[in-house]
Amino acid sequence: MKENEVSWFRPLWRRVAVTVFLAIWLAWELIWTQDQFWAFLVGAALLYSLYNFFYAFPKEEPVNVQPPEAAPTPDSKDGPGS
């Protein structure tokens, strides 16, 4: 998944909502319409979302850390008042 997709799906409720929606849609296709083509497509999307959202999803958010030399210190003598 792309970085912007990962950040959008970071909250657990969004991943669960998409997965539940696909599960309900799959049940609709299997029970009510009995259309095998759409049931196959939705089932594949459900399996893909289960794998990507709950198994392969990054566990921690990446942290942008600045190197210590890039951060100015308050006691530095190289400031504009020197």
PDB file of N, CA and C in Angstrom:
ATOM      1  N   MET A   1       0.836  -1.175   0.000  1.00  0.00           N
ATOM      2  CA  MET A   1       0.000   0.000   0.000  1.00  0.00           C
ATOM      3  C   MET A   1       0.886   1.245   0.000  1.00  0.00           C
ATOM      4  N   LYS A   2       0.377   2.305  -0.585  1.00  0.00           N
ATOM      5  CA  LYS A   2       1.112   3.563  -0.632  1.00  0.00           C
ATOM      6  C   LYS A   2       1.065   4.247   0.734  1.00  0.00           C
ATOM      7  N   GLU A   3       1.996   5.159   0.960  1.00  0.00           N
ATOM      8  CA  GLU A   3       2.101   5.827   2.258  1.00  0.00           C
ATOM      9  C   GLU A   3       0.841   6.624   2.596  1.00  0.00           C
ATOM     10  N   ASN A   4       0.245   7.314   1.610  1.00  0.00           N
ATOM     11  CA  ASN A   4      -0.969   8.081   1.902  1.00  0.00           C
ATOM     12  C   ASN A   4      -2.156   7.162   2.195  1.00  0.00           C
ATOM     13  N   GLU A   5      -2.181   5.975   1.592  1.00  0.00           N
ATOM     14  CA  GLU A   5      -3.232   5.014   1.912  1.00  0.00           C
ATOM     15  C   GLU A   5      -3.047   4.463   3.320  1.00  0.00           C
ATOM     16  N   VAL A   6      -1.801   4.209   3.693  1.00  0.00           N
ATOM     17  CA  VAL A   6      -1.525   3.691   5.035  1.00  0.00           C
ATOM     18  C   VAL A   6      -1.940   4.716   6.085  1.00  0.00           C
ATOM     19  N   SER A   7      -1.646   5.988   5.847  1.00  0.00           N
ATOM     20  CA  SER A   7      -2.010   7.004   6.838  1.00  0.00           C
ATOM     21  C   SER A   7      -3.525   7.166   6.924  1.00  0.00           C
ATOM     22  N   TRP A   8      -4.256   7.009   5.807  1.00  0.00           N
ATOM     23  CA  TRP A   8      -5.710   7.126   5.861  1.00  0.00           C
ATOM     24  C   TRP A   8      -6.328   5.942   6.594  1.00  0.00           C
ATOM     25  N   PHE A   9      -5.772   4.764   6.423  1.00  0.00           N
ATOM     26  CA  PHE A   9      -6.291   3.568   7.079  1.00  0.00           C
ATOM     27  C   PHE A   9      -5.661   3.316   8.443  1.00  0.00           C
ATOM     28  N   ARG A  10      -4.886   4.251   8.981  1.00  0.00           N
ATOM     29  CA  ARG A  10      -4.247   4.069  10.282  1.00  0.00           C
ATOM     30  C   ARG A  10      -5.269   3.813  11.403  1.00  0.00           C
ATOM     31  N   PRO A  11      -6.389   4.575  11.489  1.00  0.00           N
ATOM     32  CA  PRO A  11      -7.369   4.255  12.541  1.00  0.00           C
ATOM     33  C   PRO A  11      -7.989   2.874  12.306  1.00  0.00           C
ATOM     34  N   LEU A  12      -8.056   2.083  13.361  1.00  0.00           N
ATOM     35  CA  LEU A  12      -8.566   0.713  13.246  1.00  0.00           C
ATOM     36  C   LEU A  12     -10.016   0.680  12.792  1.00  0.00           C
ATOM     37  N   TRP A  13     -10.821   1.652  13.200  1.00  0.00           N
ATOM     38  CA  TRP A  13     -12.245   1.612  12.862  1.00  0.00           C
ATOM     39  C   TRP A  13     -12.469   1.708  11.357  1.00  0.00           C
ATOM     40  N   ARG A  14     -11.602   2.404  10.629  1.00  0.00           N
ATOM     41  CA  ARG A  14     -11.759   2.494   9.174  1.00  0.00           C
ATOM     42  C   ARG A  14     -11.482   1.155   8.508  1.00  0.00           C
ATOM     43  N   ARG A  15     -10.452   0.459   8.976  1.00  0.00           N
ATOM     44  CA  ARG A  15     -10.135  -0.857   8.411  1.00  0.00           C
ATOM     45  C   ARG A  15     -11.238  -1.856   8.716  1.00  0.00           C
ATOM     46  N   VAL A  16     -11.763  -1.805   9.932  1.00  0.00           N
ATOM     47  CA  VAL A  16     -12.856  -2.707  10.312  1.00  0.00           C
ATOM     48  C   VAL A  16     -14.111  -2.374   9.515  1.00  0.00           C
ATOM     49  N   ALA A  17     -14.408  -1.092   9.333  1.00  0.00           N
ATOM     50  CA  ALA A  17     -15.608  -0.690   8.592  1.00  0.00           C
ATOM     51  C   ALA A  17     -15.567  -1.183   7.149  1.00  0.00           C
ATOM     52  N   VAL A  18     -14.438  -1.037   6.488  1.00  0.00           N
ATOM     53  CA  VAL A  18     -14.318  -1.496   5.099  1.00  0.00           C
ATOM     54  C   VAL A  18     -14.459  -3.013   5.028  1.00  0.00           C
ATOM     55  N   THR A  19     -13.843  -3.717   5.961  1.00  0.00           N
ATOM     56  CA  THR A  19     -13.909  -5.177   5.964  1.00  0.00           C
ATOM     57  C   THR A  19     -15.322  -5.670   6.253  1.00  0.00           C
ATOM     58  N   VAL A  20     -16.002  -5.050   7.201  1.00  0.00           N
ATOM     59  CA  VAL A  20     -17.386  -5.441   7.513  1.00  0.00           C
ATOM     60  C   VAL A  20     -18.301  -5.151   6.327  1.00  0.00           C
ATOM     61  N   PHE A  21     -18.101  -4.009   5.682  1.00  0.00           N
ATOM     62  CA  PHE A  21     -18.895  -3.689   4.496  1.00  0.00           C
ATOM     63  C   PHE A  21     -18.735  -4.754   3.422  1.00  0.00           C
ATOM     64  N   LEU A  22     -17.488  -5.167   3.172  1.00  0.00           N
ATOM     65  CA  LEU A  22     -17.250  -6.199   2.160  1.00  0.00           C
ATOM     66  C   LEU A  22     -17.846  -7.543   2.572  1.00  0.00           C
ATOM     67  N   ALA A  23     -17.806  -7.863   3.858  1.00  0.00           N
ATOM     68  CA  ALA A  23     -18.389  -9.126   4.324  1.00  0.00           C
ATOM     69  C   ALA A  23     -19.912  -9.116   4.150  1.00  0.00           C
ATOM     70  N   ILE A  24     -20.536  -7.990   4.458  1.00  0.00           N
ATOM     71  CA  ILE A  24     -21.993  -7.884   4.267  1.00  0.00           C
ATOM     72  C   ILE A  24     -22.337  -7.959   2.790  1.00  0.00           C
ATOM     73  N   TRP A  25     -21.561  -7.297   1.963  1.00  0.00           N
ATOM     74  CA  TRP A  25     -21.799  -7.342   0.521  1.00  0.00           C
ATOM     75  C   TRP A  25     -21.639  -8.758  -0.011  1.00  0.00           C
ATOM     76  N   LEU A  26     -20.634  -9.475   0.458  1.00  0.00           N
ATOM     77  CA  LEU A  26     -20.442 -10.863   0.031  1.00  0.00           C
ATOM     78  C   LEU A  26     -21.626 -11.730   0.453  1.00  0.00           C
ATOM     79  N   ALA A  27     -22.103 -11.545   1.671  1.00  0.00           N
ATOM     80  CA  ALA A  27     -23.275 -12.300   2.127  1.00  0.00           C
ATOM     81  C   ALA A  27     -24.485 -11.984   1.256  1.00  0.00           C
ATOM     82  N   TRP A  28     -24.657 -10.721   0.899  1.00  0.00           N
ATOM     83  CA  TRP A  28     -25.760 -10.312   0.017  1.00  0.00           C
ATOM     84  C   TRP A  28     -25.656 -11.027  -1.327  1.00  0.00           C
ATOM     85  N   GLU A  29     -24.471 -11.057  -1.883  1.00  0.00           N
ATOM     86  CA  GLU A  29     -24.294 -11.698  -3.186  1.00  0.00           C
ATOM     87  C   GLU A  29     -24.516 -13.209  -3.106  1.00  0.00           C
ATOM     88  N   LEU A  30     -24.079 -13.837  -2.038  1.00  0.00           N
ATOM     89  CA  LEU A  30     -24.221 -15.293  -1.927  1.00  0.00           C
ATOM     90  C   LEU A  30     -25.649 -15.718  -1.583  1.00  0.00           C
ATOM     91  N   ILE A  31     -26.314 -14.973  -0.710  1.00  0.00           N
ATOM     92  CA  ILE A  31     -27.628 -15.383  -0.226  1.00  0.00           C
ATOM     93  C   ILE A  31     -28.753 -14.840  -1.099  1.00  0.00           C
ATOM     94  N   TRP A  32     -28.730 -13.553  -1.398  1.00  0.00           N
ATOM     95  CA  TRP A  32     -29.877 -12.935  -2.050  1.00  0.00           C
ATOM     96  C   TRP A  32     -29.793 -13.014  -3.577  1.00  0.00           C
ATOM     97  N   THR A  33     -28.714 -12.486  -4.165  1.00  0.00           N
ATOM     98  CA  THR A  33     -28.657 -12.423  -5.627  1.00  0.00           C
ATOM     99  C   THR A  33     -28.120 -13.709  -6.249  1.00  0.00           C
ATOM    100  N   GLN A  34     -27.284 -14.433  -5.535  1.00  0.00           N
ATOM    101  CA  GLN A  34     -26.663 -15.666  -6.002  1.00  0.00           C
ATOM    102  C   GLN A  34     -25.927 -15.476  -7.334  1.00  0.00           C
ATOM    103  N   ASP A  35     -25.308 -14.317  -7.465  1.00  0.00           N
ATOM    104  CA  ASP A  35     -24.512 -14.022  -8.656  1.00  0.00           C
ATOM    105  C   ASP A  35     -23.069 -14.417  -8.370  1.00  0.00           C
ATOM    106  N   GLN A  36     -22.605 -15.447  -9.029  1.00  0.00           N
ATOM    107  CA  GLN A  36     -21.279 -15.992  -8.739  1.00  0.00           C
ATOM    108  C   GLN A  36     -20.156 -15.051  -9.156  1.00  0.00           C
ATOM    109  N   PHE A  37     -20.350 -14.293 -10.222  1.00  0.00           N
ATOM    110  CA  PHE A  37     -19.312 -13.376 -10.678  1.00  0.00           C
ATOM    111  C   PHE A  37     -19.022 -12.310  -9.624  1.00  0.00           C
ATOM    112  N   TRP A  38     -20.080 -11.629  -9.148  1.00  0.00           N
ATOM    113  CA  TRP A  38     -19.886 -10.582  -8.142  1.00  0.00           C
ATOM    114  C   TRP A  38     -19.468 -11.169  -6.802  1.00  0.00           C
ATOM    115  N   ALA A  39     -19.967 -12.340  -6.481  1.00  0.00           N
ATOM    116  CA  ALA A  39     -19.548 -12.991  -5.233  1.00  0.00           C
ATOM    117  C   ALA A  39     -18.055 -13.294  -5.270  1.00  0.00           C
ATOM    118  N   PHE A  40     -17.549 -13.728  -6.401  1.00  0.00           N
ATOM    119  CA  PHE A  40     -16.112 -13.995  -6.540  1.00  0.00           C
ATOM    120  C   PHE A  40     -15.309 -12.705  -6.395  1.00  0.00           C
ATOM    121  N   LEU A  41     -15.745 -11.636  -7.072  1.00  0.00           N
ATOM    122  CA  LEU A  41     -15.023 -10.362  -6.995  1.00  0.00           C
ATOM    123  C   LEU A  41     -15.025  -9.788  -5.579  1.00  0.00           C
ATOM    124  N   VAL A  42     -16.172  -9.789  -4.937  1.00  0.00           N
ATOM    125  CA  VAL A  42     -16.259  -9.241  -3.582  1.00  0.00           C
ATOM    126  C   VAL A  42     -15.505 -10.136  -2.602  1.00  0.00           C
ATOM    127  N   GLY A  43     -15.563 -11.442  -2.803  1.00  0.00           N
ATOM    128  CA  GLY A  43     -14.799 -12.346  -1.945  1.00  0.00           C
ATOM    129  C   GLY A  43     -13.307 -12.127  -2.077  1.00  0.00           C
ATOM    130  N   ALA A  44     -12.840 -11.884  -3.299  1.00  0.00           N
ATOM    131  CA  ALA A  44     -11.420 -11.592  -3.503  1.00  0.00           C
ATOM    132  C   ALA A  44     -11.042 -10.269  -2.837  1.00  0.00           C
ATOM    133  N   ALA A  45     -11.904  -9.264  -2.945  1.00  0.00           N
ATOM    134  CA  ALA A  45     -11.641  -7.978  -2.287  1.00  0.00           C
ATOM    135  C   ALA A  45     -11.642  -8.134  -0.772  1.00  0.00           C
ATOM    136  N   LEU A  46     -12.514  -8.972  -0.254  1.00  0.00           N
ATOM    137  CA  LEU A  46     -12.551  -9.217   1.188  1.00  0.00           C
ATOM    138  C   LEU A  46     -11.275  -9.897   1.657  1.00  0.00           C
ATOM    139  N   LEU A  47     -10.823 -10.899   0.940  1.00  0.00           N
ATOM    140  CA  LEU A  47      -9.573 -11.566   1.307  1.00  0.00           C
ATOM    141  C   LEU A  47      -8.382 -10.616   1.219  1.00  0.00           C
ATOM    142  N   TYR A  48      -8.356  -9.790   0.185  1.00  0.00           N
ATOM    143  CA  TYR A  48      -7.290  -8.803   0.025  1.00  0.00           C
ATOM    144  C   TYR A  48      -7.285  -7.812   1.184  1.00  0.00           C
ATOM    145  N   SER A  49      -8.462  -7.335   1.581  1.00  0.00           N
ATOM    146  CA  SER A  49      -8.529  -6.371   2.683  1.00  0.00           C
ATOM    147  C   SER A  49      -8.167  -7.032   4.013  1.00  0.00           C
ATOM    148  N   LEU A  50      -8.577  -8.263   4.221  1.00  0.00           N
ATOM    149  CA  LEU A  50      -8.198  -8.959   5.453  1.00  0.00           C
ATOM    150  C   LEU A  50      -6.678  -9.101   5.546  1.00  0.00           C
ATOM    151  N   TYR A  51      -6.055  -9.464   4.447  1.00  0.00           N
ATOM    152  CA  TYR A  51      -4.601  -9.636   4.461  1.00  0.00           C
ATOM    153  C   TYR A  51      -3.889  -8.296   4.681  1.00  0.00           C
ATOM    154  N   ASN A  52      -4.267  -7.290   3.892  1.00  0.00           N
ATOM    155  CA  ASN A  52      -3.562  -6.010   3.964  1.00  0.00           C
ATOM    156  C   ASN A  52      -3.878  -5.202   5.217  1.00  0.00           C
ATOM    157  N   PHE A  53      -5.098  -5.262   5.719  1.00  0.00           N
ATOM    158  CA  PHE A  53      -5.480  -4.432   6.855  1.00  0.00           C
ATOM    159  C   PHE A  53      -5.121  -5.037   8.198  1.00  0.00           C
ATOM    160  N   PHE A  54      -5.044  -6.356   8.284  1.00  0.00           N
ATOM    161  CA  PHE A  54      -4.852  -6.973   9.596  1.00  0.00           C
ATOM    162  C   PHE A  54      -3.606  -7.842   9.703  1.00  0.00           C
ATOM    163  N   TYR A  55      -3.066  -8.309   8.596  1.00  0.00           N
ATOM    164  CA  TYR A  55      -1.869  -9.146   8.660  1.00  0.00           C
ATOM    165  C   TYR A  55      -0.613  -8.360   8.262  1.00  0.00           C
ATOM    166  N   ALA A  56      -0.663  -7.704   7.120  1.00  0.00           N
ATOM    167  CA  ALA A  56       0.524  -7.029   6.589  1.00  0.00           C
ATOM    168  C   ALA A  56       0.555  -5.539   6.890  1.00  0.00           C
ATOM    169  N   PHE A  57      -0.408  -5.017   7.614  1.00  0.00           N
ATOM    170  CA  PHE A  57      -0.457  -3.573   7.884  1.00  0.00           C
ATOM    171  C   PHE A  57       0.679  -3.188   8.821  1.00  0.00           C
ATOM    172  N   PRO A  58       1.374  -2.063   8.551  1.00  0.00           N
ATOM    173  CA  PRO A  58       2.460  -1.639   9.440  1.00  0.00           C
ATOM    174  C   PRO A  58       1.950  -1.395  10.857  1.00  0.00           C
ATOM    175  N   LYS A  59       2.646  -1.923  11.835  1.00  0.00           N
ATOM    176  CA  LYS A  59       2.192  -1.854  13.220  1.00  0.00           C
ATOM    177  C   LYS A  59       2.379  -0.477  13.843  1.00  0.00           C
ATOM    178  N   GLU A  60       3.453   0.213  13.494  1.00  0.00           N
ATOM    179  CA  GLU A  60       3.723   1.515  14.086  1.00  0.00           C
ATOM    180  C   GLU A  60       3.803   2.568  12.995  1.00  0.00           C
ATOM    181  N   GLU A  61       3.424   3.784  13.370  1.00  0.00           N
ATOM    182  CA  GLU A  61       3.509   4.895  12.445  1.00  0.00           C
ATOM    183  C   GLU A  61       4.966   5.321  12.316  1.00  0.00           C
ATOM    184  N   PRO A  62       5.444   5.564  11.088  1.00  0.00           N
ATOM    185  CA  PRO A  62       6.833   5.978  10.941  1.00  0.00           C
ATOM    186  C   PRO A  62       7.073   7.326  11.615  1.00  0.00           C
ATOM    187  N   VAL A  63       8.226   7.448  12.254  1.00  0.00           N
ATOM    188  CA  VAL A  63       8.564   8.658  12.984  1.00  0.00           C
ATOM    189  C   VAL A  63       9.630   9.409  12.202  1.00  0.00           C
ATOM    190  N   ASN A  64       9.386  10.695  11.964  1.00  0.00           N
ATOM    191  CA  ASN A  64      10.371  11.537  11.299  1.00  0.00           C
ATOM    192  C   ASN A  64      11.254  12.155  12.369  1.00  0.00           C
ATOM    193  N   VAL A  65      12.494  11.711  12.433  1.00  0.00           N
ATOM    194  CA  VAL A  65      13.419  12.181  13.451  1.00  0.00           C
ATOM    195  C   VAL A  65      14.459  13.058  12.782  1.00  0.00           C
ATOM    196  N   GLN A  66      14.639  14.267  13.332  1.00  0.00           N
ATOM    197  CA  GLN A  66      15.670  15.156  12.815  1.00  0.00           C
ATOM    198  C   GLN A  66      16.996  14.814  13.468  1.00  0.00           C
ATOM    199  N   PRO A  67      18.067  14.922  12.709  1.00  0.00           N
ATOM    200  CA  PRO A  67      19.381  14.693  13.319  1.00  0.00           C
ATOM    201  C   PRO A  67      19.667  15.785  14.349  1.00  0.00           C
ATOM    202  N   PRO A  68      20.442  15.468  15.389  1.00  0.00           N
ATOM    203  CA  PRO A  68      20.704  16.443  16.455  1.00  0.00           C
ATOM    204  C   PRO A  68      21.386  17.713  15.959  1.00  0.00           C
ATOM    205  N   GLU A  69      22.211  17.636  14.906  1.00  0.00           N
ATOM    206  CA  GLU A  69      22.898  18.826  14.445  1.00  0.00           C
ATOM    207  C   GLU A  69      21.968  19.793  13.718  1.00  0.00           C
ATOM    208  N   ALA A  70      20.803  19.349  13.275  1.00  0.00           N
ATOM    209  CA  ALA A  70      19.871  20.224  12.582  1.00  0.00           C
ATOM    210  C   ALA A  70      19.030  21.039  13.561  1.00  0.00           C
ATOM    211  N   ALA A  71      18.896  20.582  14.779  1.00  0.00           N
ATOM    212  CA  ALA A  71      18.082  21.289  15.765  1.00  0.00           C
ATOM    213  C   ALA A  71      18.954  22.320  16.489  1.00  0.00           C
ATOM    214  N   PRO A  72      18.533  23.624  16.499  1.00  0.00           N
ATOM    215  CA  PRO A  72      19.323  24.628  17.215  1.00  0.00           C
ATOM    216  C   PRO A  72      19.189  24.467  18.720  1.00  0.00           C
ATOM    217  N   THR A  73      20.248  24.776  19.434  1.00  0.00           N
ATOM    218  CA  THR A  73      20.222  24.709  20.892  1.00  0.00           C
ATOM    219  C   THR A  73      20.024  26.107  21.451  1.00  0.00           C
ATOM    220  N   PRO A  74      19.363  26.240  22.599  1.00  0.00           N
ATOM    221  CA  PRO A  74      19.091  27.576  23.148  1.00  0.00           C
ATOM    222  C   PRO A  74      20.349  28.304  23.619  1.00  0.00           C
ATOM    223  N   ASP A  75      21.419  27.620  23.985  1.00  0.00           N
ATOM    224  CA  ASP A  75      22.610  28.278  24.474  1.00  0.00           C
ATOM    225  C   ASP A  75      23.675  28.477  23.393  1.00  0.00           C
ATOM    226  N   SER A  76      23.274  28.418  22.141  1.00  0.00           N
ATOM    227  CA  SER A  76      24.242  28.564  21.067  1.00  0.00           C
ATOM    228  C   SER A  76      24.636  30.030  20.919  1.00  0.00           C
ATOM    229  N   LYS A  77      25.915  30.282  20.668  1.00  0.00           N
ATOM    230  CA  LYS A  77      26.468  31.634  20.542  1.00  0.00           C
ATOM    231  C   LYS A  77      26.461  32.113  19.086  1.00  0.00           C
ATOM    232  N   ASP A  78      25.983  31.279  18.177  1.00  0.00           N
ATOM    233  CA  ASP A  78      26.014  31.643  16.756  1.00  0.00           C
ATOM    234  C   ASP A  78      24.746  32.350  16.311  1.00  0.00           C
ATOM    235  N   GLY A  79      23.917  32.763  17.206  1.00  0.00           N
ATOM    236  CA  GLY A  79      22.644  33.386  16.872  1.00  0.00           C
ATOM    237  C   GLY A  79      22.822  34.809  16.382  1.00  0.00           C
ATOM    238  N   PRO A  80      21.719  35.491  16.064  1.00  0.00           N
ATOM    239  CA  PRO A  80      21.801  36.854  15.508  1.00  0.00           C
ATOM    240  C   PRO A  80      22.309  37.880  16.520  1.00  0.00           C
ATOM    241  N   GLY A  81      22.231  37.611  17.828  1.00  0.00           N
ATOM    242  CA  GLY A  81      22.691  38.570  18.828  1.00  0.00           C
ATOM    243  C   GLY A  81      24.167  38.503  19.093  1.00  0.00           C
ATOM    244  N   SER A  82      24.930  37.631  18.462  1.00  0.00           N
ATOM    245  CA  SER A  82      26.364  37.463  18.749  1.00  0.00           C
ATOM    246  C   SER A  82      27.197  38.420  17.967  1.00  0.00           C
TER     247      SER A  82
END
